[in-house]
Amino acid sequence: MKVAKDLVAASATPMVLGILAEGESYGYAILKRIHELSGGELDWTEGLLYPLLHRLERLGHVESTWHAVAGERRRKYYRITEQGLGELAEQRRQWDTVVGTLKEIWRAPFTVVPQECPS
């Protein structure tokens, strides 16, 4: 199944902020975590993630620092800020509303209603 781009775009910010709320992380690890949490259904690219991380950093929701690990190349690690935690809380409230509404809509049996042809 391929998730629609609009849905991926709408959910990207709360997903990244939620992952960073678990602890500091770097780009590839964030991509891997998204893939794991979605059971392989979401396969984000660097082209989606890094512009988002840069935007979140400009907005003050995340901060970044470079770390060097012996024997490996430097990695840019991101961590959520207090402002980012506030944004995550707001995103959660909004998504809870959307998900709750969809659950109510989908609780009713699904029926296909034939469209009437205009006369």
C-alpha atoms as a PDB file:
ATOM      1  CA  MET A   1       0.000   0.000   0.000  1.00  0.00           C
ATOM      2  CA  LYS A   2       1.267   3.466  -0.853  1.00  0.00           C
ATOM      3  CA  VAL A   3       0.289   6.263   1.526  1.00  0.00           C
ATOM      4  CA  ALA A   4      -0.846   9.417  -0.284  1.00  0.00           C
ATOM      5  CA  LYS A   5       1.675  12.262  -0.385  1.00  0.00           C
ATOM      6  CA  ASP A   6      -0.800  14.674   1.204  1.00  0.00           C
ATOM      7  CA  LEU A   7      -1.245  12.390   4.201  1.00  0.00           C
ATOM      8  CA  VAL A   8       2.514  11.872   4.551  1.00  0.00           C
ATOM      9  CA  ALA A   9       3.093  15.631   4.399  1.00  0.00           C
ATOM     10  CA  ALA A  10       0.390  16.357   6.961  1.00  0.00           C
ATOM     11  CA  SER A  11       1.698  13.778   9.417  1.00  0.00           C
ATOM     12  CA  ALA A  12       5.452  14.350   8.974  1.00  0.00           C
ATOM     13  CA  THR A  13       5.885  17.090  11.589  1.00  0.00           C
ATOM     14  CA  PRO A  14       4.168  15.296  14.479  1.00  0.00           C
ATOM     15  CA  MET A  15       5.961  12.052  13.590  1.00  0.00           C
ATOM     16  CA  VAL A  16       9.408  13.647  13.620  1.00  0.00           C
ATOM     17  CA  LEU A  17       8.716  15.664  16.753  1.00  0.00           C
ATOM     18  CA  GLY A  18       7.344  12.535  18.437  1.00  0.00           C
ATOM     19  CA  ILE A  19      10.463  10.554  17.586  1.00  0.00           C
ATOM     20  CA  LEU A  20      12.699  13.358  18.838  1.00  0.00           C
ATOM     21  CA  ALA A  21      10.646  13.535  22.049  1.00  0.00           C
ATOM     22  CA  GLU A  22      11.938   9.987  22.693  1.00  0.00           C
ATOM     23  CA  GLY A  23      15.512  11.309  22.523  1.00  0.00           C
ATOM     24  CA  GLU A  24      18.168  12.883  20.342  1.00  0.00           C
ATOM     25  CA  SER A  25      18.608  11.296  16.919  1.00  0.00           C
ATOM     26  CA  TYR A  26      20.145  11.781  13.481  1.00  0.00           C
ATOM     27  CA  GLY A  27      18.572  11.677  10.029  1.00  0.00           C
ATOM     28  CA  TYR A  28      19.153   8.069   9.004  1.00  0.00           C
ATOM     29  CA  ALA A  29      18.009   6.798  12.409  1.00  0.00           C
ATOM     30  CA  ILE A  30      14.813   8.875  12.134  1.00  0.00           C
ATOM     31  CA  LEU A  31      14.110   7.418   8.676  1.00  0.00           C
ATOM     32  CA  LYS A  32      14.709   3.912  10.009  1.00  0.00           C
ATOM     33  CA  ARG A  33      12.416   4.507  13.017  1.00  0.00           C
ATOM     34  CA  ILE A  34       9.578   5.771  10.782  1.00  0.00           C
ATOM     35  CA  HIS A  35       9.979   2.688   8.596  1.00  0.00           C
ATOM     36  CA  GLU A  36       9.943   0.368  11.639  1.00  0.00           C
ATOM     37  CA  LEU A  37       6.982   2.042  13.375  1.00  0.00           C
ATOM     38  CA  SER A  38       4.898   1.913  10.196  1.00  0.00           C
ATOM     39  CA  GLY A  39       5.619  -1.769   9.633  1.00  0.00           C
ATOM     40  CA  GLY A  40       7.434  -0.813   6.436  1.00  0.00           C
ATOM     41  CA  GLU A  41       4.453   1.090   5.004  1.00  0.00           C
ATOM     42  CA  LEU A  42       6.156   4.487   5.229  1.00  0.00           C
ATOM     43  CA  ASP A  43       9.450   4.636   3.390  1.00  0.00           C
ATOM     44  CA  TRP A  44      10.520   8.258   3.627  1.00  0.00           C
ATOM     45  CA  THR A  45      13.434   9.651   1.655  1.00  0.00           C
ATOM     46  CA  GLU A  46      16.146  12.059   2.715  1.00  0.00           C
ATOM     47  CA  GLY A  47      14.490  14.556   0.354  1.00  0.00           C
ATOM     48  CA  LEU A  48      11.433  14.575   2.604  1.00  0.00           C
ATOM     49  CA  LEU A  49      13.167  14.457   5.982  1.00  0.00           C
ATOM     50  CA  TYR A  50      16.010  16.959   5.761  1.00  0.00           C
ATOM     51  CA  PRO A  51      13.976  19.940   4.508  1.00  0.00           C
ATOM     52  CA  LEU A  52      11.505  19.206   7.315  1.00  0.00           C
ATOM     53  CA  LEU A  53      14.279  19.065   9.929  1.00  0.00           C
ATOM     54  CA  HIS A  54      15.724  22.346   8.636  1.00  0.00           C
ATOM     55  CA  ARG A  55      12.272  23.976   8.783  1.00  0.00           C
ATOM     56  CA  LEU A  56      11.688  22.698  12.319  1.00  0.00           C
ATOM     57  CA  GLU A  57      15.078  24.076  13.296  1.00  0.00           C
ATOM     58  CA  ARG A  58      14.279  27.508  11.774  1.00  0.00           C
ATOM     59  CA  LEU A  59      11.005  27.522  13.720  1.00  0.00           C
ATOM     60  CA  GLY A  60      12.853  26.744  16.958  1.00  0.00           C
ATOM     61  CA  HIS A  61      11.188  23.342  17.438  1.00  0.00           C
ATOM     62  CA  VAL A  62      14.470  21.412  17.179  1.00  0.00           C
ATOM     63  CA  GLU A  63      18.162  22.131  17.714  1.00  0.00           C
ATOM     64  CA  SER A  64      21.080  20.353  16.114  1.00  0.00           C
ATOM     65  CA  THR A  65      24.673  19.572  17.019  1.00  0.00           C
ATOM     66  CA  TRP A  66      27.421  17.700  15.235  1.00  0.00           C
ATOM     67  CA  HIS A  67      28.819  14.563  16.900  1.00  0.00           C
ATOM     68  CA  ALA A  68      31.904  12.636  15.891  1.00  0.00           C
ATOM     69  CA  VAL A  69      32.087   8.939  16.714  1.00  0.00           C
ATOM     70  CA  ALA A  70      35.451   7.188  16.509  1.00  0.00           C
ATOM     71  CA  GLY A  71      35.785   5.359  13.202  1.00  0.00           C
ATOM     72  CA  GLU A  72      32.662   6.933  11.717  1.00  0.00           C
ATOM     73  CA  ARG A  73      31.895  10.182   9.944  1.00  0.00           C
ATOM     74  CA  ARG A  74      30.359  13.095  11.804  1.00  0.00           C
ATOM     75  CA  ARG A  75      26.599  13.088  12.167  1.00  0.00           C
ATOM     76  CA  LYS A  76      24.213  15.926  12.792  1.00  0.00           C
ATOM     77  CA  TYR A  77      21.999  15.063  15.746  1.00  0.00           C
ATOM     78  CA  TYR A  78      18.656  16.727  16.358  1.00  0.00           C
ATOM     79  CA  ARG A  79      16.834  17.184  19.628  1.00  0.00           C
ATOM     80  CA  ILE A  80      13.444  18.649  20.404  1.00  0.00           C
ATOM     81  CA  THR A  81      13.269  21.986  22.246  1.00  0.00           C
ATOM     82  CA  GLU A  82      10.767  23.160  24.852  1.00  0.00           C
ATOM     83  CA  GLN A  83       9.020  25.060  22.069  1.00  0.00           C
ATOM     84  CA  GLY A  84       9.004  21.851  20.025  1.00  0.00           C
ATOM     85  CA  LEU A  85       7.397  19.956  22.901  1.00  0.00           C
ATOM     86  CA  GLY A  86       4.656  22.586  22.970  1.00  0.00           C
ATOM     87  CA  GLU A  87       4.171  22.214  19.213  1.00  0.00           C
ATOM     88  CA  LEU A  88       4.057  18.425  19.577  1.00  0.00           C
ATOM     89  CA  ALA A  89       1.339  18.753  22.248  1.00  0.00           C
ATOM     90  CA  GLU A  90      -0.692  20.988  19.913  1.00  0.00           C
ATOM     91  CA  GLN A  91      -0.191  18.598  16.981  1.00  0.00           C
ATOM     92  CA  ARG A  92      -1.352  15.702  19.186  1.00  0.00           C
ATOM     93  CA  ARG A  93      -4.528  17.577  20.138  1.00  0.00           C
ATOM     94  CA  GLN A  94      -5.268  18.255  16.483  1.00  0.00           C
ATOM     95  CA  TRP A  95      -4.555  14.680  15.364  1.00  0.00           C
ATOM     96  CA  ASP A  96      -6.639  13.274  18.231  1.00  0.00           C
ATOM     97  CA  THR A  97      -9.561  15.311  16.873  1.00  0.00           C
ATOM     98  CA  VAL A  98      -9.007  14.110  13.295  1.00  0.00           C
ATOM     99  CA  VAL A  99      -8.529  10.452  14.271  1.00  0.00           C
ATOM    100  CA  GLY A 100     -11.521  10.517  16.633  1.00  0.00           C
ATOM    101  CA  THR A 101     -13.722  11.990  13.908  1.00  0.00           C
ATOM    102  CA  LEU A 102     -12.590   9.401  11.364  1.00  0.00           C
ATOM    103  CA  LYS A 103     -13.257   6.586  13.836  1.00  0.00           C
ATOM    104  CA  GLU A 104     -16.792   7.868  14.366  1.00  0.00           C
ATOM    105  CA  ILE A 105     -17.387   8.156  10.636  1.00  0.00           C
ATOM    106  CA  TRP A 106     -15.984   4.697   9.944  1.00  0.00           C
ATOM    107  CA  ARG A 107     -17.872   3.038  12.799  1.00  0.00           C
ATOM    108  CA  ALA A 108     -21.007   2.950  10.653  1.00  0.00           C
ATOM    109  CA  PRO A 109     -21.181   0.113   8.132  1.00  0.00           C
ATOM    110  CA  PHE A 110     -19.667   1.034   4.802  1.00  0.00           C
ATOM    111  CA  THR A 111     -22.133   1.040   1.959  1.00  0.00           C
ATOM    112  CA  VAL A 112     -21.733   2.147  -1.594  1.00  0.00           C
ATOM    113  CA  VAL A 113     -24.434   4.562  -2.642  1.00  0.00           C
ATOM    114  CA  PRO A 114     -24.962   4.604  -6.402  1.00  0.00           C
ATOM    115  CA  GLN A 115     -24.672   8.023  -7.980  1.00  0.00           C
ATOM    116  CA  GLU A 116     -27.745   9.212  -9.812  1.00  0.00           C
ATOM    117  CA  CYS A 117     -27.223  10.243 -13.393  1.00  0.00           C
ATOM    118  CA  PRO A 118     -28.302  13.802 -14.147  1.00  0.00           C
ATOM    119  CA  SER A 119     -31.315  13.917 -16.442  1.00  0.00           C
END
